Protein backbone atom coordinates (compact mmCIF):
# COMPACT_ATOMS: atom_id res chain seq x y z
CA MET A 1 79.28 78.08 108.64
CA LYS A 2 82.60 76.60 109.92
CA LEU A 3 85.66 78.81 109.07
CA ALA A 4 89.33 77.74 108.77
CA ALA A 5 91.14 77.96 112.22
CA ARG A 6 93.65 80.12 110.97
CA VAL A 7 91.12 82.90 110.69
CA GLY A 8 90.38 82.93 114.30
CA GLN A 9 94.33 83.18 115.10
CA VAL A 10 94.63 86.56 113.67
CA SER A 11 93.05 90.11 114.60
CA PRO A 12 91.97 92.51 112.11
CA SER A 13 94.08 95.69 111.68
CA LEU A 14 93.33 98.07 114.12
CA THR A 15 94.88 101.01 112.23
CA LEU A 16 92.48 100.31 109.32
CA ALA A 17 89.54 99.84 111.75
CA ILE A 18 90.15 103.36 113.68
CA SER A 19 90.99 104.99 110.16
CA ALA A 20 87.61 103.94 108.53
CA LYS A 21 85.75 104.87 112.01
CA ALA A 22 87.48 108.58 111.45
CA LYS A 23 86.55 108.70 107.92
CA ALA A 24 83.00 107.66 108.86
CA MET A 25 82.58 110.47 111.50
CA LYS A 26 84.00 112.96 108.59
CA ALA A 27 81.40 111.76 106.52
CA GLU A 28 78.83 112.44 109.10
CA GLY A 29 79.81 115.90 109.19
CA LEU A 30 82.33 115.90 112.28
CA ASP A 31 85.52 117.91 112.29
CA VAL A 32 87.87 114.84 112.88
CA CYS A 33 91.80 115.26 112.91
CA SER A 34 93.04 112.11 112.02
CA PHE A 35 96.77 111.02 113.34
CA SER A 36 95.79 107.45 112.51
CA ALA A 37 96.49 106.20 109.08
CA GLY A 38 100.22 105.74 107.95
CA GLU A 39 99.77 107.76 104.55
CA PRO A 40 101.39 110.99 102.93
CA ASP A 41 98.92 113.46 102.49
CA PHE A 42 100.77 114.60 99.31
CA ASP A 43 99.63 113.57 95.80
CA THR A 44 101.54 111.37 93.70
CA PRO A 45 104.09 113.34 92.15
CA ALA A 46 103.34 114.35 88.52
CA HIS A 47 105.93 112.48 86.34
CA ILE A 48 104.78 109.24 87.78
CA LYS A 49 101.37 109.46 87.35
CA THR A 50 102.03 110.71 83.57
CA ALA A 51 104.26 107.67 82.90
CA ALA A 52 101.46 105.40 84.06
CA LYS A 53 98.96 107.47 82.02
CA LYS A 54 101.54 106.95 78.93
CA ALA A 55 101.52 103.39 79.75
CA LEU A 56 97.76 102.95 79.44
CA ASP A 57 97.55 104.85 76.18
CA GLU A 58 100.28 102.49 74.60
CA GLY A 59 98.10 99.70 75.83
CA LYS A 60 100.05 98.42 78.98
CA THR A 61 96.62 96.81 80.23
CA LYS A 62 97.26 93.05 79.87
CA TYR A 63 98.79 89.94 81.76
CA GLY A 64 102.10 90.67 82.47
CA PRO A 65 104.88 88.36 84.18
CA ALA A 66 104.17 87.22 87.51
CA ALA A 67 107.43 88.40 88.99
CA GLY A 68 106.91 91.91 87.55
CA GLU A 69 107.63 93.79 84.46
CA PRO A 70 111.41 93.03 83.73
CA LYS A 71 112.20 96.60 83.32
CA LEU A 72 111.04 97.56 86.71
CA ARG A 73 112.85 94.41 88.18
CA GLU A 74 115.88 95.57 86.65
CA ALA A 75 115.42 99.05 87.95
CA ILE A 76 114.73 98.14 91.26
CA ALA A 77 117.99 95.82 91.28
CA ARG A 78 119.86 98.69 90.26
CA LYS A 79 118.36 100.78 92.75
CA LEU A 80 119.53 98.54 95.51
CA ARG A 81 123.24 98.36 94.22
CA GLU A 82 123.48 101.78 93.80
CA GLU A 83 121.81 103.05 96.76
CA ASN A 84 122.05 100.44 99.18
CA GLY A 85 125.15 98.53 98.31
CA LEU A 86 123.03 95.20 97.98
CA ASN A 87 124.45 93.02 94.79
CA TYR A 88 121.42 92.32 93.34
CA GLN A 89 120.23 91.51 89.83
CA ALA A 90 116.65 91.49 88.42
CA GLU A 91 116.30 87.69 89.02
CA ASN A 92 116.73 88.39 92.80
CA VAL A 93 113.44 90.68 92.71
CA ILE A 94 109.77 90.20 92.61
CA VAL A 95 107.23 93.17 92.43
CA THR A 96 104.35 92.83 94.67
CA ASN A 97 101.00 94.28 95.32
CA GLY A 98 102.15 96.51 97.77
CA GLY A 99 105.01 96.32 100.46
CA LYS A 100 102.84 94.23 102.89
CA HIS A 101 102.16 91.41 100.07
CA SER A 102 106.12 91.19 99.79
CA LEU A 103 106.10 90.11 103.37
CA PHE A 104 102.95 87.89 103.27
CA GLY A 105 104.54 85.88 100.11
CA LEU A 106 107.61 85.68 102.08
CA MET A 107 106.05 84.44 105.14
CA LEU A 108 104.10 81.65 103.05
CA ALA A 109 107.38 80.75 101.08
CA LEU A 110 109.88 80.60 104.17
CA LEU A 111 107.89 79.29 107.33
CA GLU A 112 105.90 76.15 108.37
CA ALA A 113 104.82 74.83 111.31
CA GLY A 114 107.46 74.64 114.09
CA ASP A 115 109.42 77.79 112.75
CA GLU A 116 109.71 80.54 114.87
CA ALA A 117 110.21 84.29 113.86
CA ILE A 118 111.38 86.73 116.10
CA VAL A 119 109.93 89.95 115.79
CA PRO A 120 110.70 92.94 118.43
CA ALA A 121 108.13 94.79 119.86
CA PRO A 122 106.69 97.57 119.14
CA TYR A 123 106.25 96.03 115.84
CA TRP A 124 104.10 97.00 112.73
CA LEU A 125 100.98 95.01 113.65
CA SER A 126 100.99 92.65 110.68
CA TYR A 127 104.54 91.04 111.30
CA PRO A 128 103.06 88.49 113.85
CA GLU A 129 99.73 87.66 112.05
CA MET A 130 101.60 87.18 108.86
CA VAL A 131 103.83 84.54 110.77
CA LYS A 132 100.70 83.13 112.39
CA LEU A 133 99.06 82.72 108.98
CA ALA A 134 102.00 80.79 107.70
CA HIS A 135 101.76 78.40 110.55
CA GLY A 136 104.67 79.61 112.02
CA THR A 137 105.24 80.86 115.68
CA PRO A 138 105.93 84.68 116.75
CA VAL A 139 108.46 85.18 119.44
CA ILE A 140 108.16 88.81 120.76
CA VAL A 141 110.79 90.49 122.33
CA PRO A 142 109.65 93.59 124.17
CA THR A 143 112.02 96.82 124.14
CA ASP A 144 111.27 100.04 125.54
CA ALA A 145 112.45 103.80 125.49
CA SER A 146 115.10 103.17 127.59
CA THR A 147 116.75 101.35 124.59
CA GLY A 148 115.23 103.74 121.73
CA TYR A 149 112.69 100.92 121.07
CA LYS A 150 115.46 98.96 119.73
CA ILE A 151 116.47 95.41 120.15
CA THR A 152 119.84 94.73 121.26
CA PRO A 153 122.29 92.15 120.16
CA ASP A 154 122.27 90.11 123.62
CA GLU A 155 118.29 90.17 123.55
CA LEU A 156 118.45 88.92 120.19
CA ARG A 157 120.70 86.21 120.90
CA ALA A 158 118.57 84.89 123.55
CA ALA A 159 115.65 84.93 121.88
CA ILE A 160 117.05 82.70 119.27
CA THR A 161 116.17 78.72 119.71
CA PRO A 162 116.97 75.91 117.23
CA GLN A 163 113.60 76.54 115.93
CA THR A 164 114.48 80.31 114.58
CA LYS A 165 114.25 80.57 110.95
CA LEU A 166 113.74 84.21 110.87
CA PHE A 167 114.55 87.74 112.36
CA VAL A 168 112.29 90.63 111.39
CA LEU A 169 114.01 93.83 111.31
CA ASN A 170 112.45 97.11 110.62
CA SER A 171 114.16 100.54 110.26
CA PRO A 172 112.85 102.86 110.19
CA SER A 173 110.45 101.45 112.30
CA ASN A 174 106.98 101.85 112.30
CA PRO A 175 105.18 102.52 115.10
CA THR A 176 108.38 104.36 116.99
CA GLY A 177 110.34 106.19 113.87
CA MET A 178 113.43 104.79 115.51
CA VAL A 179 116.51 104.29 112.90
CA TYR A 180 119.13 101.81 114.12
CA THR A 181 122.72 103.26 113.88
CA PRO A 182 125.14 101.54 111.50
CA GLU A 183 127.03 100.17 114.54
CA GLU A 184 123.90 98.50 115.94
CA ILE A 185 122.99 97.03 112.54
CA LYS A 186 126.60 95.59 112.45
CA ALA A 187 126.14 94.03 115.82
CA LEU A 188 122.78 92.37 115.08
CA ALA A 189 124.30 91.06 111.64
CA ALA A 190 127.01 89.48 113.87
CA VAL A 191 124.59 87.60 115.91
CA ILE A 192 122.53 86.37 112.75
CA VAL A 193 125.62 85.43 110.94
CA GLU A 194 126.72 83.49 114.26
CA HIS A 195 123.56 81.55 114.58
CA ASP A 196 122.83 81.07 110.90
CA ILE A 197 119.27 82.53 110.63
CA LEU A 198 117.69 84.66 107.99
CA VAL A 199 116.71 88.31 108.52
CA VAL A 200 113.89 90.25 106.45
CA SER A 201 114.73 93.97 106.35
CA ASP A 202 111.62 95.99 106.21
CA GLU A 203 113.02 99.29 105.02
CA ILE A 204 109.92 101.16 103.33
CA TYR A 205 110.56 104.20 105.52
CA GLU A 206 113.96 104.36 104.32
CA LYS A 207 113.97 107.72 102.38
CA ILE A 208 112.21 109.39 105.15
CA ILE A 209 115.09 110.16 107.84
CA TYR A 210 115.80 113.40 109.82
CA ASP A 211 118.70 115.17 111.37
CA GLY A 212 121.43 113.72 109.30
CA THR A 213 120.26 110.12 110.37
CA THR A 214 122.19 107.35 108.66
CA HIS A 215 120.13 104.19 107.05
CA LEU A 216 122.31 101.08 106.47
CA SER A 217 120.83 98.23 104.78
CA ILE A 218 121.81 95.20 106.96
CA GLY A 219 122.65 93.15 103.75
CA ALA A 220 125.36 95.57 102.89
CA VAL A 221 127.50 94.86 106.06
CA GLY A 222 129.35 92.25 104.32
CA PRO A 223 128.98 88.62 102.13
CA LYS A 224 127.92 86.44 105.09
CA ILE A 225 125.25 88.72 106.11
CA PHE A 226 124.25 89.38 102.64
CA ASP A 227 123.30 85.51 102.10
CA ARG A 228 121.02 85.66 104.73
CA THR A 229 119.14 88.96 103.99
CA ILE A 230 115.88 89.58 102.41
CA ILE A 231 114.85 92.96 101.55
CA SER A 232 111.24 94.37 101.78
CA ASN A 233 110.46 97.69 100.42
CA GLY A 234 107.95 99.36 98.11
CA PHE A 235 106.81 102.91 96.69
CA ALA A 236 104.04 103.73 99.19
CA LYS A 237 105.79 105.84 101.48
CA ALA A 238 108.53 107.99 99.97
CA PHE A 239 106.46 108.35 96.82
CA SER A 240 102.76 109.12 98.13
CA MET A 241 101.82 105.88 96.19
CA THR A 242 100.12 104.19 98.64
CA GLY A 243 96.86 103.36 96.71
CA TRP A 244 99.13 101.91 93.91
CA ARG A 245 99.60 98.82 95.39
CA LEU A 246 103.36 98.56 94.52
CA GLY A 247 106.08 96.96 96.62
CA TYR A 248 108.78 94.51 95.86
CA LEU A 249 111.06 91.62 97.83
CA ALA A 250 114.76 90.84 97.09
CA GLY A 251 116.57 87.91 97.96
CA PRO A 252 118.08 84.83 97.04
CA VAL A 253 116.90 83.57 93.54
CA GLU A 254 115.52 80.36 94.98
CA LEU A 255 113.47 82.33 97.35
CA ILE A 256 112.27 84.63 94.92
CA LYS A 257 111.03 81.75 92.59
CA ALA A 258 109.11 80.25 95.38
CA VAL A 259 107.32 83.66 96.32
CA THR A 260 106.59 83.99 92.45
CA THR A 261 105.07 80.50 92.50
CA ILE A 262 102.76 81.58 95.16
CA GLN A 263 101.95 85.03 93.34
CA SER A 264 101.18 83.08 90.54
CA HIS A 265 98.35 81.25 92.12
CA SER A 266 96.99 84.32 94.14
CA THR A 267 97.11 87.53 92.61
CA SER A 268 99.08 86.64 89.46
CA ASN A 269 101.02 89.98 88.25
CA VAL A 270 101.12 93.12 89.71
CA CYS A 271 98.77 96.05 87.81
CA THR A 272 100.72 96.38 84.73
CA PHE A 273 100.28 100.00 84.01
CA ALA A 274 100.92 100.84 87.56
CA GLN A 275 104.51 99.61 87.43
CA TYR A 276 105.46 101.83 84.72
CA GLY A 277 104.71 104.61 87.38
CA ALA A 278 107.11 102.72 89.50
CA ILE A 279 109.90 102.90 86.93
CA ALA A 280 109.20 106.78 86.74
CA ALA A 281 109.73 107.09 90.49
CA LEU A 282 113.03 105.37 90.53
CA GLU A 283 114.42 107.02 87.33
CA GLY A 284 113.10 110.25 87.53
CA SER A 285 114.10 113.21 89.68
CA GLN A 286 114.27 112.59 93.40
CA ASP A 287 113.25 116.06 94.43
CA CYS A 288 109.67 115.21 95.23
CA VAL A 289 110.90 112.92 97.71
CA GLU A 290 113.37 115.52 99.35
CA GLU A 291 110.28 117.94 99.33
CA MET A 292 107.81 115.62 101.01
CA ARG A 293 110.76 114.70 103.63
CA GLN A 294 111.31 118.56 104.48
CA ALA A 295 107.67 119.01 105.07
CA PHE A 296 107.50 115.81 107.65
CA ALA A 297 110.62 117.03 109.13
CA LEU A 298 109.04 120.36 110.13
CA ARG A 299 105.65 118.26 111.14
CA ARG A 300 107.73 115.98 113.35
CA GLN A 301 109.21 118.90 115.10
CA VAL A 302 105.93 120.88 115.59
CA MET A 303 104.14 117.60 117.01
CA PHE A 304 106.91 116.25 119.08
CA GLU A 305 107.40 119.63 120.73
CA ARG A 306 103.51 120.02 121.39
CA LEU A 307 103.21 116.53 122.67
CA ASN A 308 106.26 116.71 125.17
CA ALA A 309 104.63 119.94 126.58
CA ILE A 310 101.47 118.06 127.54
CA PRO A 311 101.56 116.83 131.12
CA GLY A 312 101.55 113.04 131.30
CA LEU A 313 102.56 112.52 128.00
CA SER A 314 106.10 111.71 126.56
CA CYS A 315 107.69 110.31 123.52
CA PRO A 316 111.31 110.07 122.05
CA LYS A 317 112.16 111.92 119.06
CA PRO A 318 112.15 109.68 116.04
CA ASP A 319 114.91 109.70 113.56
CA GLY A 320 112.80 108.46 110.88
CA ALA A 321 109.31 107.55 109.28
CA PHE A 322 106.18 109.97 110.21
CA TYR A 323 105.32 108.50 113.70
CA LEU A 324 105.42 109.66 117.15
CA PHE A 325 105.25 106.79 119.92
CA VAL A 326 103.65 108.39 122.97
CA ASP A 327 103.73 106.91 126.29
CA ILE A 328 100.47 107.61 128.10
CA SER A 329 101.27 105.26 131.07
CA LYS A 330 101.08 108.38 133.56
CA ILE A 331 97.47 109.29 132.56
CA GLY A 332 96.07 105.95 134.02
CA LEU A 333 94.02 104.60 130.79
CA LYS A 334 95.26 101.84 128.58
CA SER A 335 95.74 102.59 125.10
CA LEU A 336 92.54 101.37 123.15
CA GLU A 337 90.28 103.01 126.02
CA PHE A 338 92.21 106.17 125.59
CA CYS A 339 92.27 106.38 121.96
CA ASN A 340 88.28 105.61 121.82
CA ALA A 341 87.91 108.29 124.43
CA LEU A 342 89.99 110.75 122.49
CA LEU A 343 88.12 110.03 119.40
CA GLU A 344 84.33 110.20 120.84
CA SER A 345 84.99 113.43 122.84
CA GLN A 346 87.51 115.40 120.84
CA GLN A 347 87.34 113.70 117.34
CA VAL A 348 91.17 112.98 117.55
CA ALA A 349 91.92 109.77 115.94
CA THR A 350 95.25 108.02 117.11
CA VAL A 351 96.19 104.19 117.21
CA PRO A 352 96.36 102.30 120.43
CA GLY A 353 99.77 100.75 121.08
CA ILE A 354 98.34 97.42 121.82
CA ALA A 355 98.24 96.90 118.31
CA PHE A 356 101.68 97.25 118.09
CA GLY A 357 102.64 95.26 121.40
CA ASP A 358 102.62 98.05 123.88
CA ASP A 359 99.67 98.71 125.60
CA ASN A 360 100.86 101.80 127.32
CA CYS A 361 101.43 103.69 124.18
CA ILE A 362 99.58 105.52 121.42
CA ARG A 363 100.62 106.05 117.97
CA LEU A 364 100.24 109.57 115.96
CA SER A 365 100.98 109.73 112.39
CA TYR A 366 102.15 113.62 111.48
CA ALA A 367 101.61 112.78 107.48
CA THR A 368 98.93 115.24 107.52
CA ASP A 369 98.74 118.90 107.39
CA MET A 370 100.05 121.09 109.74
CA ALA A 371 96.69 122.90 110.80
CA SER A 372 95.40 119.52 111.51
CA ILE A 373 98.31 118.94 113.35
CA GLU A 374 97.93 122.05 115.70
CA LYS A 375 94.30 121.58 116.12
CA GLY A 376 94.92 118.07 117.20
CA MET A 377 97.49 119.05 119.87
CA ASP A 378 95.00 121.62 121.12
CA ARG A 379 92.28 118.84 121.56
CA LEU A 380 94.81 116.26 122.74
CA GLU A 381 96.16 118.83 125.65
CA GLN A 382 92.52 119.54 126.51
CA PHE A 383 91.56 115.59 126.58
CA THR A 384 94.53 115.23 128.88
CA LEU A 385 93.98 118.13 131.43
CA LYS A 386 90.18 117.16 131.79
CA GLY A 387 91.28 113.85 133.21
């Protein structure tokens, strides 16, 4: 069978592959400490589940509008106005099958052969692959720990060509946990406006920030950048709703209509009753979000201190999300070799940095319980000391 050439242009998700391998080892009875998946270990808050159950009981089980339930689109638009300073209405929003799906629909609606999308590295591993699937060209701009893994305005400006159509911004970041300051966001916005390109801001981790860090949505900087901004977000991380597959995209009406057309011919609508859980997530108490954030903050501190105390390992302290991006270059192994050896010898699952565009680092998620963190750090230390 001859498959389409596009399939050979993309790589399978390493994060999902390693997570699956760790789960298989657990199923065999091995005591695995998994720091691989970007998935909160908390249950979905009760009031969200109750709302979905109520919707089921009320018969919300039929096809719905391709762009999402009107009440949810309105709630998302209101959230973006009130929390992020973005003047969106319901018509500017489409509900998607997870945050990943919102980005995939965007790439298909926006990019074509010859278009370039600038992606700073380290990046979430799906960004370049989505660009390729849309027949665009990802332009990778490397960053490192010296700048906090952030692209600078000069680096962005230098990467822009006449073919540039889109800049992909992720703050708070997966995999580094870094957060652009308001001043840095404003400086990047000036370059985007100057060169009249578009920016998609992936803000899925916006509510998971620490130490008084401020999250500024780039579209809120001013009217000129707002007109060039597209927002991707969802419910998976802040509300521990990963399996619900609920995300959204917000932007100019013309673009949202185009993404809706694509969605109508691919997945149709998002799960109807699940959307009522999302409404409850936005309109209900946010105490559950804060409780999870505080737990993540404590885990972050413990893992950060333990990692930086291990000879040969180092990482900057993240300001958001629930990841540590650890430099392993002094160990003498590249990331995939390091992760495979660690998993096989110590049953500790991590993700190789090569998946994120940096082969000298690995990513660890602290979205797991404290006992697993302590045990995993003991094993990681033992692994590095053995050489």
